[in-house]
């Protein structure tokens, strides 16, 4: 693997490296992604499974399969941070963009499941901005 970047969980127990050549970057606004992240959307990168190598802490990963839909959540058992996982069909490695240590070289391709997007996350252009806490 060349052009590698690193990532991991908040507590640092789970670590990985991945080739910085992602296929897609989506912002998913579906109810399940909002619930699993506790945020307005999930920022998810897609790559092939062979592009990611675990460097430490694989034993700390817990996987949750959402019944009735090809939906999974993998997280560190210690801190709860989202970590990469192979989708249920085994075809793609899904990487929470926030788990990366550096910026990926891909731009977002799409906002998906916009019909499920909450109103409170739509009109943010007029909200005041701060570089830290106000």
N, C-alpha and C. Protein backbone atom coordinates (compact mmCIF):
# COMPACT_ATOMS: atom_id res chain seq x y z
N UNK A 1 0.85 -1.19 0.00
CA UNK A 1 0.00 0.00 0.00
C UNK A 1 0.89 1.24 0.00
N UNK A 2 0.61 2.16 -0.88
CA UNK A 2 1.32 3.44 -0.91
C UNK A 2 0.32 4.55 -0.61
N UNK A 3 0.84 5.76 -0.39
CA UNK A 3 -0.03 6.90 -0.10
C UNK A 3 -0.94 6.60 1.08
N UNK A 4 -0.36 6.14 2.17
CA UNK A 4 -1.15 5.72 3.31
C UNK A 4 -1.36 6.84 4.31
N UNK A 5 -2.52 6.80 4.95
CA UNK A 5 -2.82 7.67 6.06
C UNK A 5 -3.26 6.79 7.23
N UNK A 6 -3.30 7.38 8.41
CA UNK A 6 -3.63 6.61 9.60
C UNK A 6 -4.93 7.10 10.22
N UNK A 7 -5.45 6.29 11.10
CA UNK A 7 -6.65 6.65 11.82
C UNK A 7 -6.80 5.80 13.06
N UNK A 8 -7.84 6.09 13.84
CA UNK A 8 -8.08 5.32 15.03
C UNK A 8 -9.20 5.90 15.86
N UNK A 9 -9.40 5.31 17.01
CA UNK A 9 -10.45 5.75 17.92
C UNK A 9 -9.93 6.87 18.83
N UNK A 10 -10.82 7.45 19.61
CA UNK A 10 -10.47 8.56 20.49
C UNK A 10 -9.46 8.17 21.56
N UNK A 11 -9.61 7.00 22.17
CA UNK A 11 -8.70 6.61 23.25
C UNK A 11 -7.37 6.07 22.73
N UNK A 12 -7.28 5.78 21.43
CA UNK A 12 -6.03 5.33 20.83
C UNK A 12 -5.78 3.84 20.86
N UNK A 13 -6.69 3.06 21.42
CA UNK A 13 -6.47 1.61 21.48
C UNK A 13 -6.62 0.95 20.11
N UNK A 14 -7.55 1.45 19.28
CA UNK A 14 -7.76 0.90 17.94
C UNK A 14 -7.07 1.83 16.94
N UNK A 15 -6.16 1.26 16.14
CA UNK A 15 -5.42 2.03 15.15
C UNK A 15 -5.41 1.27 13.82
N UNK A 16 -5.35 2.03 12.73
CA UNK A 16 -5.30 1.43 11.40
C UNK A 16 -4.55 2.34 10.44
N UNK A 17 -4.19 1.77 9.31
CA UNK A 17 -3.66 2.55 8.20
C UNK A 17 -4.44 2.15 6.96
N UNK A 18 -4.61 3.11 6.05
CA UNK A 18 -5.42 2.88 4.87
C UNK A 18 -4.85 3.68 3.71
N UNK A 19 -4.98 3.15 2.51
CA UNK A 19 -4.55 3.86 1.32
C UNK A 19 -5.48 5.05 1.09
N UNK A 20 -4.90 6.22 0.88
CA UNK A 20 -5.66 7.46 0.68
C UNK A 20 -6.12 7.57 -0.77
N UNK A 21 -6.91 6.61 -1.18
CA UNK A 21 -7.46 6.55 -2.54
C UNK A 21 -8.87 5.98 -2.43
N UNK A 22 -9.76 6.77 -1.87
CA UNK A 22 -11.12 6.31 -1.57
C UNK A 22 -12.01 6.36 -2.80
N UNK A 23 -13.00 5.47 -2.85
CA UNK A 23 -13.94 5.40 -3.96
C UNK A 23 -15.05 6.44 -3.85
N UNK A 24 -15.54 6.67 -2.61
CA UNK A 24 -16.66 7.59 -2.39
C UNK A 24 -16.55 8.22 -1.02
N UNK A 25 -17.14 9.40 -0.88
CA UNK A 25 -17.35 10.04 0.42
C UNK A 25 -18.77 10.57 0.41
N UNK A 26 -19.60 10.00 1.26
CA UNK A 26 -21.01 10.41 1.36
C UNK A 26 -21.29 10.99 2.74
N UNK A 27 -22.21 11.94 2.77
CA UNK A 27 -22.80 12.42 4.01
C UNK A 27 -24.19 11.81 4.06
N UNK A 28 -24.40 10.86 4.97
CA UNK A 28 -25.66 10.13 5.04
C UNK A 28 -26.53 10.71 6.15
N UNK A 29 -27.75 11.11 5.79
CA UNK A 29 -28.69 11.74 6.71
C UNK A 29 -29.80 10.79 7.16
N UNK A 30 -29.66 9.48 6.90
CA UNK A 30 -30.72 8.54 7.28
C UNK A 30 -30.85 8.49 8.81
N UNK A 31 -32.00 8.06 9.25
CA UNK A 31 -32.27 7.97 10.68
C UNK A 31 -31.24 7.11 11.41
N UNK A 32 -30.88 5.96 10.82
CA UNK A 32 -29.94 5.07 11.48
C UNK A 32 -28.56 5.73 11.63
N UNK A 33 -28.08 6.40 10.61
CA UNK A 33 -26.77 7.07 10.71
C UNK A 33 -26.82 8.21 11.72
N UNK A 34 -27.93 8.93 11.77
CA UNK A 34 -28.06 10.01 12.76
C UNK A 34 -28.07 9.44 14.17
N UNK A 35 -28.78 8.34 14.38
CA UNK A 35 -28.83 7.72 15.71
C UNK A 35 -27.46 7.18 16.12
N UNK A 36 -26.79 6.52 15.20
CA UNK A 36 -25.52 5.86 15.52
C UNK A 36 -24.40 6.88 15.77
N UNK A 37 -24.48 8.06 15.13
CA UNK A 37 -23.44 9.09 15.32
C UNK A 37 -23.85 10.13 16.35
N UNK A 38 -25.16 10.27 16.61
CA UNK A 38 -25.63 11.32 17.50
C UNK A 38 -25.47 12.69 16.87
N UNK A 39 -25.44 12.74 15.55
CA UNK A 39 -25.20 13.98 14.83
C UNK A 39 -26.18 14.12 13.66
N UNK A 40 -26.01 15.17 12.88
CA UNK A 40 -26.91 15.44 11.75
C UNK A 40 -26.72 14.46 10.61
N UNK A 41 -25.53 13.87 10.51
CA UNK A 41 -25.25 12.92 9.43
C UNK A 41 -23.99 12.14 9.74
N UNK A 42 -23.82 11.04 9.06
CA UNK A 42 -22.58 10.28 9.12
C UNK A 42 -21.74 10.67 7.92
N UNK A 43 -20.45 10.81 8.10
CA UNK A 43 -19.50 11.08 7.02
C UNK A 43 -18.76 9.78 6.76
N UNK A 44 -19.09 9.13 5.64
CA UNK A 44 -18.59 7.78 5.40
C UNK A 44 -17.79 7.67 4.11
N UNK A 45 -16.61 7.09 4.24
CA UNK A 45 -15.71 6.83 3.12
C UNK A 45 -15.82 5.36 2.73
N UNK A 46 -15.67 5.09 1.46
CA UNK A 46 -15.71 3.72 0.95
C UNK A 46 -14.38 3.40 0.27
N UNK A 47 -13.88 2.20 0.55
CA UNK A 47 -12.71 1.69 -0.14
C UNK A 47 -12.84 0.17 -0.20
N UNK A 48 -11.91 -0.49 -0.84
CA UNK A 48 -11.95 -1.95 -0.86
C UNK A 48 -11.32 -2.49 0.42
N UNK A 49 -11.80 -3.63 0.90
CA UNK A 49 -11.32 -4.17 2.18
C UNK A 49 -9.81 -4.36 2.27
N UNK A 50 -9.17 -4.70 1.16
CA UNK A 50 -7.72 -4.95 1.21
C UNK A 50 -6.90 -3.67 1.37
N UNK A 51 -7.52 -2.50 1.28
CA UNK A 51 -6.79 -1.23 1.41
C UNK A 51 -6.57 -0.82 2.86
N UNK A 52 -7.19 -1.50 3.82
CA UNK A 52 -7.05 -1.15 5.23
C UNK A 52 -6.31 -2.26 5.98
N UNK A 53 -5.38 -1.85 6.83
CA UNK A 53 -4.65 -2.77 7.70
C UNK A 53 -4.76 -2.28 9.13
N UNK A 54 -5.15 -3.16 10.04
CA UNK A 54 -5.20 -2.83 11.46
C UNK A 54 -3.78 -2.83 11.98
N UNK A 55 -3.42 -1.81 12.76
CA UNK A 55 -2.08 -1.75 13.34
C UNK A 55 -2.10 -2.03 14.84
N UNK A 56 -3.24 -1.84 15.48
CA UNK A 56 -3.38 -2.22 16.89
C UNK A 56 -4.84 -2.20 17.32
N UNK A 57 -5.13 -2.96 18.35
CA UNK A 57 -6.42 -2.90 19.02
C UNK A 57 -7.61 -3.55 18.37
N UNK A 58 -7.39 -4.42 17.41
CA UNK A 58 -8.53 -5.06 16.74
C UNK A 58 -9.43 -5.80 17.75
N UNK A 59 -8.84 -6.28 18.85
CA UNK A 59 -9.61 -6.99 19.87
C UNK A 59 -10.58 -6.08 20.61
N UNK A 60 -10.42 -4.76 20.49
CA UNK A 60 -11.31 -3.80 21.16
C UNK A 60 -12.53 -3.44 20.32
N UNK A 61 -12.63 -3.98 19.11
CA UNK A 61 -13.73 -3.61 18.22
C UNK A 61 -14.97 -4.45 18.50
N UNK A 62 -16.08 -3.78 18.63
CA UNK A 62 -17.41 -4.40 18.78
C UNK A 62 -18.20 -4.05 17.53
N UNK A 63 -18.96 -4.99 17.03
CA UNK A 63 -19.74 -4.79 15.81
C UNK A 63 -21.22 -4.97 16.12
N UNK A 64 -22.05 -4.06 15.62
CA UNK A 64 -23.50 -4.13 15.78
C UNK A 64 -24.12 -4.20 14.39
N UNK A 65 -24.93 -5.22 14.16
CA UNK A 65 -25.65 -5.37 12.88
C UNK A 65 -27.08 -4.92 13.09
N UNK A 66 -27.51 -3.93 12.34
CA UNK A 66 -28.88 -3.43 12.43
C UNK A 66 -29.80 -4.40 11.71
N UNK A 67 -30.81 -4.96 12.38
CA UNK A 67 -31.68 -5.96 11.75
C UNK A 67 -32.53 -5.38 10.62
N UNK A 68 -32.65 -6.15 9.56
CA UNK A 68 -33.55 -5.79 8.47
C UNK A 68 -32.97 -4.87 7.42
N UNK A 69 -31.72 -4.49 7.55
CA UNK A 69 -31.11 -3.57 6.58
C UNK A 69 -29.60 -3.82 6.57
N UNK A 70 -28.98 -3.63 5.42
CA UNK A 70 -27.53 -3.80 5.31
C UNK A 70 -26.86 -2.61 6.00
N UNK A 71 -26.89 -2.60 7.33
CA UNK A 71 -26.40 -1.49 8.12
C UNK A 71 -25.64 -2.02 9.32
N UNK A 72 -24.43 -1.51 9.50
CA UNK A 72 -23.55 -1.98 10.56
C UNK A 72 -22.93 -0.80 11.27
N UNK A 73 -22.58 -0.98 12.51
CA UNK A 73 -21.80 -0.01 13.26
C UNK A 73 -20.70 -0.77 13.97
N UNK A 74 -19.47 -0.33 13.79
CA UNK A 74 -18.34 -0.90 14.52
C UNK A 74 -17.75 0.22 15.37
N UNK A 75 -17.35 -0.13 16.60
CA UNK A 75 -16.85 0.89 17.50
C UNK A 75 -15.86 0.31 18.49
N UNK A 76 -15.06 1.17 19.08
CA UNK A 76 -14.12 0.77 20.12
C UNK A 76 -14.89 0.47 21.40
N UNK A 77 -14.65 -0.67 22.00
CA UNK A 77 -15.32 -1.05 23.25
C UNK A 77 -14.94 -0.14 24.42
N UNK A 78 -13.78 0.48 24.35
CA UNK A 78 -13.31 1.35 25.43
C UNK A 78 -13.93 2.74 25.39
N UNK A 79 -13.87 3.41 24.22
CA UNK A 79 -14.30 4.81 24.15
C UNK A 79 -15.56 5.03 23.32
N UNK A 80 -16.01 4.02 22.58
CA UNK A 80 -17.24 4.14 21.78
C UNK A 80 -17.07 4.79 20.43
N UNK A 81 -15.86 5.19 20.08
CA UNK A 81 -15.64 5.85 18.78
C UNK A 81 -15.91 4.89 17.63
N UNK A 82 -16.49 5.42 16.55
CA UNK A 82 -16.71 4.63 15.35
C UNK A 82 -15.40 4.28 14.68
N UNK A 83 -15.30 3.05 14.22
CA UNK A 83 -14.10 2.56 13.53
C UNK A 83 -14.52 1.86 12.24
N UNK A 84 -13.59 1.64 11.32
CA UNK A 84 -13.93 1.00 10.04
C UNK A 84 -14.50 -0.41 10.21
N UNK A 85 -15.25 -0.82 9.19
CA UNK A 85 -15.80 -2.17 9.16
C UNK A 85 -16.08 -2.56 7.72
N UNK A 86 -16.13 -3.85 7.48
CA UNK A 86 -16.52 -4.36 6.17
C UNK A 86 -18.03 -4.49 6.16
N UNK A 87 -18.67 -3.99 5.09
CA UNK A 87 -20.14 -4.08 5.05
C UNK A 87 -20.59 -5.53 5.06
N UNK A 88 -21.87 -5.73 5.33
CA UNK A 88 -22.40 -7.09 5.51
C UNK A 88 -22.23 -7.96 4.27
N UNK A 89 -22.20 -7.37 3.10
CA UNK A 89 -22.00 -8.14 1.87
C UNK A 89 -20.53 -8.45 1.62
N UNK A 90 -19.62 -7.84 2.41
CA UNK A 90 -18.19 -8.08 2.25
C UNK A 90 -17.56 -7.37 1.07
N UNK A 91 -18.29 -6.47 0.44
CA UNK A 91 -17.82 -5.83 -0.78
C UNK A 91 -17.05 -4.54 -0.56
N UNK A 92 -17.26 -3.88 0.59
CA UNK A 92 -16.64 -2.57 0.80
C UNK A 92 -16.20 -2.40 2.25
N UNK A 93 -15.12 -1.65 2.42
CA UNK A 93 -14.68 -1.22 3.74
C UNK A 93 -15.27 0.17 3.94
N UNK A 94 -16.02 0.33 5.02
CA UNK A 94 -16.66 1.60 5.35
C UNK A 94 -15.82 2.25 6.45
N UNK A 95 -15.41 3.49 6.23
CA UNK A 95 -14.56 4.18 7.19
C UNK A 95 -15.23 5.47 7.63
N UNK A 96 -15.49 5.62 8.93
CA UNK A 96 -16.00 6.91 9.41
C UNK A 96 -14.93 7.97 9.15
N UNK A 97 -15.26 9.00 8.38
CA UNK A 97 -14.26 10.00 8.00
C UNK A 97 -13.63 10.67 9.22
N UNK A 98 -14.40 10.82 10.29
CA UNK A 98 -13.87 11.44 11.49
C UNK A 98 -12.84 10.59 12.22
N UNK A 99 -12.69 9.32 11.85
CA UNK A 99 -11.70 8.46 12.50
C UNK A 99 -10.30 8.63 11.91
N UNK A 100 -10.19 9.38 10.81
CA UNK A 100 -8.88 9.59 10.18
C UNK A 100 -8.08 10.65 10.94
N UNK A 101 -6.76 10.50 10.94
CA UNK A 101 -5.88 11.48 11.57
C UNK A 101 -5.59 12.67 10.67
N UNK A 102 -5.72 12.49 9.36
CA UNK A 102 -5.46 13.55 8.38
C UNK A 102 -6.59 13.60 7.36
N UNK A 103 -6.55 14.61 6.53
CA UNK A 103 -7.58 14.79 5.51
C UNK A 103 -7.45 13.76 4.39
N UNK A 104 -8.55 13.17 3.96
CA UNK A 104 -8.49 12.32 2.78
C UNK A 104 -8.38 13.20 1.53
N UNK A 105 -7.91 12.62 0.44
CA UNK A 105 -7.73 13.38 -0.79
C UNK A 105 -8.98 13.41 -1.67
N UNK A 106 -10.09 12.97 -1.16
CA UNK A 106 -11.34 12.94 -1.91
C UNK A 106 -12.29 14.01 -1.38
N UNK A 107 -13.08 14.57 -2.28
CA UNK A 107 -14.14 15.50 -1.89
C UNK A 107 -15.46 14.73 -1.80
N UNK A 108 -16.40 15.27 -1.06
CA UNK A 108 -17.70 14.63 -0.92
C UNK A 108 -18.40 14.53 -2.26
N UNK A 109 -18.97 13.36 -2.55
CA UNK A 109 -19.72 13.17 -3.79
C UNK A 109 -21.20 13.47 -3.62
N UNK A 110 -21.74 13.22 -2.41
CA UNK A 110 -23.19 13.36 -2.29
C UNK A 110 -23.64 13.41 -0.84
N UNK A 111 -24.77 14.09 -0.65
CA UNK A 111 -25.57 13.98 0.56
C UNK A 111 -26.64 12.96 0.22
N UNK A 112 -26.76 11.91 1.03
CA UNK A 112 -27.72 10.86 0.72
C UNK A 112 -28.78 10.78 1.81
N UNK A 113 -29.94 10.23 1.46
CA UNK A 113 -31.10 10.11 2.34
C UNK A 113 -31.56 11.47 2.86
N UNK A 114 -31.58 12.46 1.96
CA UNK A 114 -32.00 13.81 2.35
C UNK A 114 -33.45 13.87 2.81
N UNK A 115 -34.28 12.95 2.38
CA UNK A 115 -35.67 12.94 2.82
C UNK A 115 -35.78 12.72 4.33
N UNK A 116 -34.74 12.13 4.93
CA UNK A 116 -34.74 11.87 6.36
C UNK A 116 -33.99 12.93 7.16
N UNK A 117 -33.48 13.92 6.49
CA UNK A 117 -32.69 14.98 7.14
C UNK A 117 -33.57 15.83 8.06
N UNK A 118 -33.16 16.06 9.31
CA UNK A 118 -33.98 16.86 10.23
C UNK A 118 -33.92 18.35 9.89
N UNK A 119 -35.00 19.05 10.13
CA UNK A 119 -35.05 20.49 9.83
C UNK A 119 -33.99 21.27 10.57
N UNK A 120 -33.67 20.87 11.80
CA UNK A 120 -32.69 21.62 12.58
C UNK A 120 -31.29 21.59 11.96
N UNK A 121 -31.04 20.69 11.03
CA UNK A 121 -29.71 20.62 10.40
C UNK A 121 -29.67 21.28 9.02
N UNK A 122 -30.82 21.78 8.55
CA UNK A 122 -30.89 22.32 7.20
C UNK A 122 -30.47 23.79 7.13
N UNK A 123 -31.06 24.61 7.97
CA UNK A 123 -30.83 26.05 7.89
C UNK A 123 -29.75 26.51 8.86
N UNK A 124 -28.51 26.18 8.56
CA UNK A 124 -27.41 26.56 9.45
C UNK A 124 -26.58 27.72 8.92
N UNK A 125 -26.86 28.20 7.71
CA UNK A 125 -26.06 29.26 7.10
C UNK A 125 -26.09 30.55 7.91
N UNK A 126 -27.21 30.84 8.59
CA UNK A 126 -27.32 32.07 9.36
C UNK A 126 -26.83 31.94 10.80
N UNK A 127 -26.44 30.75 11.21
CA UNK A 127 -25.96 30.56 12.59
C UNK A 127 -24.58 31.22 12.74
N UNK A 128 -24.36 31.82 13.89
CA UNK A 128 -23.06 32.45 14.17
C UNK A 128 -21.97 31.38 14.16
N UNK A 129 -20.77 31.76 13.77
CA UNK A 129 -19.65 30.83 13.74
C UNK A 129 -18.56 31.26 14.71
N UNK A 130 -17.92 30.31 15.36
CA UNK A 130 -16.84 30.55 16.32
C UNK A 130 -15.72 29.57 16.05
N UNK A 131 -14.51 29.95 16.34
CA UNK A 131 -13.36 29.06 16.18
C UNK A 131 -13.23 28.09 17.36
N UNK A 132 -13.92 28.35 18.43
CA UNK A 132 -13.96 27.51 19.62
C UNK A 132 -15.29 27.71 20.29
N UNK A 133 -15.40 27.42 21.58
CA UNK A 133 -16.65 27.69 22.29
C UNK A 133 -16.91 29.19 22.32
N UNK A 134 -18.17 29.62 22.21
CA UNK A 134 -18.47 31.07 22.28
C UNK A 134 -18.26 31.61 23.68
